[in-house]
Protein backbone atom coordinates (compact mmCIF):
# COMPACT_ATOMS: atom_id res chain seq x y z
CA MET A 1 75.85 110.49 100.88
CA LYS A 2 75.43 113.89 102.43
CA LYS A 3 75.68 114.43 106.10
CA SER A 4 74.05 117.35 107.96
CA ILE A 5 74.29 119.19 111.25
CA TYR A 6 71.08 120.49 112.67
CA CYS A 7 70.75 123.65 114.83
CA MET A 8 67.91 123.35 117.38
CA LEU A 9 65.98 126.59 117.91
CA GLY A 10 63.96 126.29 121.04
CA LEU A 11 62.73 122.72 121.36
CA LEU A 12 60.99 121.87 118.03
CA LEU A 13 62.40 123.93 115.17
CA PHE A 14 65.45 122.54 113.37
CA LEU A 15 67.52 124.38 110.76
CA PRO A 16 69.58 122.12 108.47
CA ILE A 17 73.08 123.27 107.71
CA ASN A 18 74.98 121.17 105.13
CA LEU A 19 78.48 120.71 106.40
CA SER A 20 79.30 117.52 104.41
CA ALA A 21 81.82 116.73 101.77
CA GLN A 22 79.64 117.15 98.65
CA HIS A 23 82.60 116.25 96.49
CA LYS A 24 84.79 113.33 95.72
CA ALA A 25 88.55 113.85 95.85
CA ILE A 26 91.28 112.76 93.46
CA GLN A 27 93.82 110.54 95.07
CA MET A 28 97.01 111.38 93.26
CA ASP A 29 99.65 108.73 92.43
CA ALA A 30 103.16 108.76 93.95
CA PHE A 31 106.16 110.10 92.06
CA THR A 32 108.53 107.55 90.48
CA THR A 33 111.84 107.91 88.71
CA SER A 34 110.27 108.26 85.30
CA LYS A 35 106.65 109.34 86.00
CA ALA A 36 105.03 112.15 87.91
CA TYR A 37 101.31 112.95 88.46
CA GLN A 38 99.64 116.32 88.47
CA ILE A 39 96.31 118.09 88.35
CA SER A 40 96.63 121.10 86.00
CA PHE A 41 94.71 123.77 84.05
CA ASP A 42 95.87 126.51 81.64
CA ASP A 43 96.48 130.08 82.76
CA LYS A 44 94.73 131.55 79.73
CA LEU A 45 91.67 132.88 81.54
CA LEU A 46 93.84 135.39 83.42
CA GLY A 47 94.90 137.12 80.19
CA THR A 48 97.23 136.65 77.18
CA HIS A 49 100.98 136.50 77.23
CA VAL A 50 103.59 135.63 74.60
CA HIS A 51 106.30 133.01 75.16
CA ASP A 52 109.56 134.98 75.69
CA GLY A 53 107.61 138.11 74.84
CA SER A 54 107.88 141.62 76.30
CA MET A 55 106.38 142.96 79.53
CA ALA A 56 103.89 144.92 77.44
CA GLN A 57 102.62 141.67 75.84
CA ASP A 58 101.84 140.07 79.18
CA LYS A 59 98.22 140.88 80.14
CA ARG A 60 97.71 138.38 82.94
CA VAL A 61 96.03 139.44 86.16
CA ARG A 62 98.58 139.33 88.97
CA ASN A 63 96.46 139.98 92.05
CA LEU A 64 95.31 136.41 92.78
CA THR A 65 94.07 134.05 95.42
CA LEU A 66 94.68 130.30 94.94
CA SER A 67 93.06 127.77 97.31
CA THR A 68 92.63 124.04 97.59
CA TRP A 69 91.13 121.48 99.90
CA ILE A 70 93.89 118.93 100.22
CA LYS A 71 95.25 116.06 102.29
CA PRO A 72 98.97 115.22 101.71
CA SER A 73 100.36 111.75 101.18
CA THR A 74 103.87 113.04 101.63
CA LEU A 75 105.54 115.67 103.75
CA ASN A 76 107.62 117.28 101.04
CA GLY A 77 106.99 118.89 97.66
CA ASP A 78 104.84 121.61 96.07
CA LEU A 79 101.15 121.48 96.84
CA MET A 80 100.02 124.05 94.30
CA GLY A 81 101.22 126.97 92.19
CA CYS A 82 102.09 128.05 88.66
CA VAL A 83 104.81 126.31 86.56
CA GLN A 84 106.17 126.14 83.00
CA ALA A 85 104.12 123.66 80.98
CA ASN A 86 107.24 121.86 79.70
CA TYR A 87 108.80 121.30 83.13
CA TYR A 88 108.16 119.42 86.34
CA THR A 89 110.28 121.57 88.60
CA LYS A 90 110.74 123.17 91.98
CA THR A 91 111.58 126.51 90.26
CA GLY A 92 108.31 127.51 88.58
CA SER A 93 106.67 130.91 88.93
CA PHE A 94 105.36 130.34 92.46
CA ALA A 95 104.32 127.47 94.75
CA VAL A 96 103.03 126.52 98.17
CA ARG A 97 105.64 124.15 99.44
CA LEU A 98 105.84 121.46 102.16
CA THR A 99 109.26 120.94 103.75
CA ASP A 100 109.32 118.12 106.26
CA GLY A 101 105.66 118.76 106.97
CA GLU A 102 105.99 122.53 107.44
CA LEU A 103 104.04 124.90 105.13
CA GLY A 104 106.00 127.48 103.15
CA VAL A 105 106.11 129.51 99.97
CA TYR A 106 108.42 129.84 96.94
CA SER A 107 108.17 132.56 94.24
CA ARG A 108 110.07 134.20 91.47
CA TYR A 109 109.92 137.96 91.28
CA MET A 110 110.27 140.29 88.33
CA GLY A 111 112.94 142.93 87.86
CA ALA A 112 112.26 146.37 86.52
CA ASP A 113 113.67 145.31 83.05
CA GLY A 114 111.27 142.40 82.81
CA SER A 115 113.81 139.77 83.79
CA PHE A 116 113.54 137.35 86.74
CA PRO A 117 116.68 138.08 88.75
CA GLY A 118 115.88 136.05 91.89
CA ASP A 119 113.38 134.21 93.97
CA VAL A 120 112.06 134.26 97.52
CA SER A 121 111.29 131.32 99.85
CA ALA A 122 110.20 130.93 103.39
CA ILE A 123 109.00 128.28 105.76
CA SER A 124 106.40 128.73 108.49
CA ASN A 125 106.20 126.84 111.72
CA MET A 126 102.75 125.51 110.71
CA GLN A 127 102.54 121.78 110.17
CA LEU A 128 100.35 119.92 107.69
CA SER A 129 100.21 116.13 108.41
CA THR A 130 99.43 113.27 106.16
CA GLU A 131 96.29 112.53 108.18
CA GLU A 132 94.92 116.03 107.84
CA TRP A 133 92.47 117.63 105.43
CA ALA A 134 93.08 121.40 105.16
CA PHE A 135 92.04 124.40 103.09
CA ILE A 136 95.29 125.95 101.97
CA THR A 137 95.32 129.48 100.43
CA LEU A 138 98.02 131.59 98.86
CA VAL A 139 97.10 135.29 98.31
CA ILE A 140 99.36 137.09 95.78
CA ASN A 141 99.17 140.85 96.40
CA ASP A 142 101.14 142.11 93.38
CA THR A 143 100.21 145.73 94.12
CA ASP A 144 101.92 145.65 97.47
CA LYS A 145 104.47 142.94 96.49
CA LYS A 146 103.38 140.51 99.20
CA LEU A 147 102.63 136.77 99.50
CA SER A 148 100.25 135.58 102.29
CA LEU A 149 99.78 131.97 103.14
CA TYR A 150 96.74 130.66 105.09
CA LYS A 151 95.67 127.33 106.55
CA ASN A 152 91.96 126.93 107.10
CA GLY A 153 91.53 130.68 106.91
CA GLU A 154 94.22 131.53 109.49
CA LEU A 155 97.34 133.48 108.37
CA VAL A 156 100.50 131.38 108.89
CA LEU A 157 103.15 133.27 106.83
CA GLU A 158 103.68 136.53 105.00
CA LYS A 159 106.62 137.27 102.66
CA GLN A 160 107.59 140.36 100.74
CA LEU A 161 108.47 140.06 97.03
CA GLY A 162 111.49 141.74 95.55
CA GLY A 163 111.68 143.57 92.26
CA ILE A 164 108.49 144.99 90.90
CA GLY A 165 106.15 142.10 91.76
CA ILE A 166 105.27 138.46 91.21
CA GLY A 167 107.47 136.69 88.63
CA LEU A 168 105.00 134.99 86.29
CA LEU A 169 107.36 133.36 83.76
CA ARG A 170 106.49 134.04 80.12
CA ASP A 171 106.84 130.43 79.10
CA GLU A 172 103.69 128.52 78.25
CA SER A 173 102.37 128.07 81.81
CA LEU A 174 99.77 126.24 83.79
CA PHE A 175 98.44 126.15 87.33
CA PHE A 176 98.95 122.85 89.14
CA VAL A 177 98.25 120.83 92.23
CA GLY A 178 101.19 118.43 92.64
CA CYS A 179 104.75 119.22 91.74
CA ASN A 180 108.30 118.73 93.08
CA LYS A 181 107.42 115.10 94.07
CA PHE A 182 104.24 116.05 96.06
CA TRP A 183 101.20 113.81 95.97
CA GLY A 184 97.97 113.61 98.03
CA ALA A 185 94.16 113.81 97.86
CA VAL A 186 92.54 116.89 96.34
CA GLU A 187 88.85 117.79 96.72
CA GLU A 188 88.52 121.29 95.32
CA ILE A 189 90.60 124.02 93.58
CA GLN A 190 89.72 127.71 93.47
CA LEU A 191 91.52 130.56 91.75
CA TRP A 192 90.21 134.14 92.23
CA LYS A 193 91.32 137.27 90.35
CA LYS A 194 91.34 139.32 93.52
CA ILE A 195 93.15 139.75 96.84
CA GLN A 196 90.83 137.90 99.22
CA THR A 197 90.51 139.02 102.80
CA GLN A 198 90.71 136.64 105.69
CA GLU A 199 86.96 136.72 106.01
CA GLU A 200 86.51 135.98 102.34
CA ILE A 201 88.93 133.08 102.54
CA LYS A 202 86.93 131.55 105.41
CA ALA A 203 83.69 132.07 103.52
CA SER A 204 85.12 130.29 100.44
CA MET A 205 85.88 127.14 102.44
CA THR A 206 82.21 126.21 102.11
CA LEU A 207 81.43 127.90 98.82
CA SER A 208 77.95 127.35 97.31
CA ASP A 209 78.20 129.53 94.12
CA SER A 210 80.74 131.03 91.75
CA PRO A 211 81.00 134.85 92.04
CA THR A 212 82.39 136.89 89.13
CA ASP A 213 85.84 137.08 90.59
CA LEU A 214 86.13 133.32 90.90
CA VAL A 215 87.89 132.62 87.60
CA TYR A 216 88.48 128.87 88.04
CA ARG A 217 86.76 126.34 90.30
CA TYR A 218 87.17 122.57 90.06
CA THR A 219 85.52 119.73 91.92
CA PHE A 220 85.80 116.10 91.00
CA ASN A 221 82.47 114.41 91.19
CA THR A 222 81.94 114.23 87.39
CA ILE A 223 84.58 113.25 84.84
CA LYS A 224 84.02 113.41 81.13
CA ALA A 225 84.96 110.82 78.49
CA ASP A 226 88.22 112.64 77.71
CA PHE A 227 89.05 112.55 81.47
CA SER A 228 88.54 116.29 81.83
CA PHE A 229 86.93 118.19 84.66
CA THR A 230 84.74 121.24 83.78
CA ASN A 231 85.56 124.69 85.06
CA GLN A 232 82.69 125.72 87.34
CA GLY A 233 84.18 129.20 87.88
CA ALA A 234 82.97 132.33 86.09
CA GLY A 235 86.06 132.79 83.94
CA GLY A 236 84.92 130.69 80.96
CA VAL A 237 85.79 127.35 79.42
CA CYS A 238 89.03 125.78 80.61
CA ALA A 239 89.09 122.14 81.64
CA ALA A 240 91.36 120.65 84.28
CA PHE A 241 93.04 117.28 83.84
CA TYR A 242 94.73 114.68 86.05
CA ASN A 243 97.90 113.96 84.05
CA GLU A 244 100.54 111.33 83.99
CA LEU A 245 103.88 112.98 83.04
CA GLN A 246 106.74 111.14 81.39
CA ILE A 247 109.81 112.96 82.85
CA ARG A 248 113.58 113.00 82.70
CA GLU A 249 116.13 115.11 84.58
CA ALA A 250 116.77 118.25 82.55
CA TRP A 251 120.03 119.22 84.14
CA THR A 252 122.42 117.86 86.73
CA GLY A 253 124.72 119.65 89.14
CA SER A 254 124.51 121.93 92.09
CA GLY A 255 121.08 123.55 92.45
CA ASN A 256 119.60 121.70 89.48
CA ASP A 257 118.51 118.58 91.26
CA GLY A 258 114.77 117.90 91.04
CA ILE A 259 114.36 119.81 87.70
CA TYR A 260 112.69 117.64 85.13
CA SER A 261 111.60 118.12 81.52
CA ILE A 262 108.37 116.55 80.38
CA SER A 263 108.44 114.30 77.28
CA SER A 264 104.69 113.62 77.37
CA ARG A 265 101.60 114.71 79.32
CA THR A 266 98.63 112.30 79.18
CA ALA A 267 95.27 112.78 80.81
CA ILE A 268 94.27 109.66 82.76
CA ASN A 269 91.31 108.44 84.74
CA PRO A 270 92.04 109.23 88.46
CA THR A 271 91.23 107.26 91.53
CA LEU A 272 88.43 109.00 93.42
CA VAL A 273 87.99 108.80 97.17
CA GLU A 274 85.78 110.52 99.74
CA GLY A 275 86.56 114.18 100.40
CA THR A 276 86.80 116.05 103.66
CA VAL A 277 84.15 114.16 105.57
CA GLY A 278 86.22 110.97 105.05
CA VAL A 279 85.22 107.44 104.33
CA ASP A 280 82.08 106.00 105.73
CA VAL A 281 82.96 104.02 108.80
CA VAL A 282 79.69 102.09 108.71
CA ALA A 283 77.07 101.79 105.97
CA GLN A 284 74.00 101.74 108.22
CA PRO A 285 72.85 103.56 110.18
CA GLN A 286 74.15 106.93 108.96
CA ILE A 287 76.61 108.71 111.25
CA SER A 288 75.58 112.34 111.97
CA LEU A 289 76.52 115.19 114.21
CA ILE A 290 73.71 117.04 116.01
CA TYR A 291 73.93 120.58 117.42
CA ASP A 292 71.46 121.37 120.15
CA LYS A 293 71.60 125.14 120.26
CA ALA A 294 69.43 125.40 123.43
CA LEU A 295 71.81 123.14 125.42
CA GLN A 296 74.92 124.46 123.64
CA GLN A 297 75.93 120.86 122.93
CA ILE A 298 77.02 118.85 119.92
CA GLN A 299 76.81 115.04 119.80
CA PHE A 300 77.72 112.23 117.42
CA VAL A 301 74.91 109.80 116.60
CA ASN A 302 75.33 106.24 115.33
CA ALA A 303 79.14 106.21 115.75
CA PRO A 304 81.12 102.98 116.22
CA ASN A 305 81.61 101.84 119.82
CA ASP A 306 85.42 102.21 119.60
CA SER A 307 85.35 105.74 118.49
CA PHE A 308 87.38 108.68 120.04
CA TYR A 309 86.39 112.29 119.30
CA LEU A 310 88.11 115.69 119.12
CA LEU A 311 87.18 119.29 118.28
CA ALA A 312 89.74 121.62 116.76
CA ASP A 313 89.94 125.15 115.40
CA LEU A 314 90.62 125.82 111.71
CA SER A 315 94.38 125.89 112.29
CA GLY A 316 94.12 122.25 113.39
CA GLN A 317 94.80 123.06 117.14
CA THR A 318 92.84 120.62 119.31
CA LEU A 319 90.53 122.42 121.67
CA MET A 320 88.60 119.49 123.22
CA THR A 321 88.55 115.73 123.24
CA SER A 322 85.77 113.39 124.23
CA PRO A 323 85.43 109.64 124.79
CA THR A 324 81.63 109.89 124.42
CA GLY A 325 81.13 112.05 121.32
CA ILE A 326 79.47 114.81 123.35
CA PHE A 327 80.91 118.33 123.58
CA ASN A 328 79.62 121.31 125.45
CA VAL A 329 80.40 124.32 123.21
CA SER A 330 79.00 127.12 125.36
CA ALA A 331 82.51 128.55 125.94
CA LEU A 332 83.35 128.60 122.23
CA SER A 333 83.07 131.82 120.26
CA ASN A 334 80.85 131.97 117.15
CA ALA A 335 83.15 130.48 114.45
CA CYS A 336 83.75 127.46 112.25
CA TYR A 337 85.39 124.43 113.88
CA LEU A 338 86.44 120.88 112.82
CA VAL A 339 84.99 117.93 114.70
CA GLN A 340 86.47 114.49 114.08
CA LEU A 341 85.51 110.95 114.87
CA ARG A 342 88.37 108.46 114.93
CA SER A 343 87.75 104.76 114.77
CA VAL A 344 89.75 101.64 113.69
CA LYS A 345 87.21 101.44 110.87
CA GLY A 346 88.07 104.94 109.58
CA ASN A 347 87.92 108.67 110.36
CA LYS A 348 85.16 111.18 109.68
CA THR A 349 85.52 114.99 109.93
CA PHE A 350 82.65 117.50 110.05
CA LYS A 351 82.82 121.22 109.69
CA PHE A 352 80.72 122.70 112.60
CA ILE A 353 79.65 126.36 112.57
CA LYS A 354 78.65 127.83 115.90
CA HIS A 355 76.39 130.86 115.55
């Protein structure tokens, strides 16, 4: 059920702004010794390439922006990236990586001769917890050989690439959410064939359409009989799947731990949960958040009696807390914020835009 925030103009005129989770989220399954779980889609809409082919045969777009709304269920592993289709590995083409709860990046880079002589990795000091929904974005600027990592539209890490740019391996490849033993809840995936600015990233957090540069976009409200999810982006037909992978260790020895080959990839019916708004803590009456623009005040309505409330910026930094569910926002700048209700019956998070 959709929730709304209302902006009061004067005393009588209300403007509805939809800030709810319109989408369900896939709750991924945990990694086991023989099985892994992954949301994936083919890279074919970015251009053709040939397995073990030459540089000239690789036509894929390399200036990219990959984003997802995600809530981790573990503090380690690869949230999203690009990987060889036949492997479940920590050494794919590139990935956004969690290391003990800290966000970071991993990437191959390409040498001038078309080889992949090395990789780059870095960890930020930005945390992502298992109780936290966040919009995570990786911008690949192949032109300037730079990776930029964002959390909720705020830059947390930049890293220069070596060689001549991003190292997209020429194996049959796919984009993924969930690798290197990561699992969590996933509400939306976006892949743009452009270098998004910070302002564009923040705008795409509450996207209502699919511009031309948005090649792939997946939400998870509707699943087809073959367990596929339709691409809502402008790039064309390319379904995403939630797959169960039968895996085995490909190699052993120093540096090869965590590299698995895939013996089978089977699309399965995922468990769906509520997305960024969270689970309903009561069925009736409906919980809502009201913004009184004249009083510069926001207030929760119909919340459970045991609730505690907090307001945070998009980086997750708490700015205010309240035992009553009422916040005076007159001192806040015009921006997007996260407002959360916490109760023993469940949590609920709203995106609040002050303007």
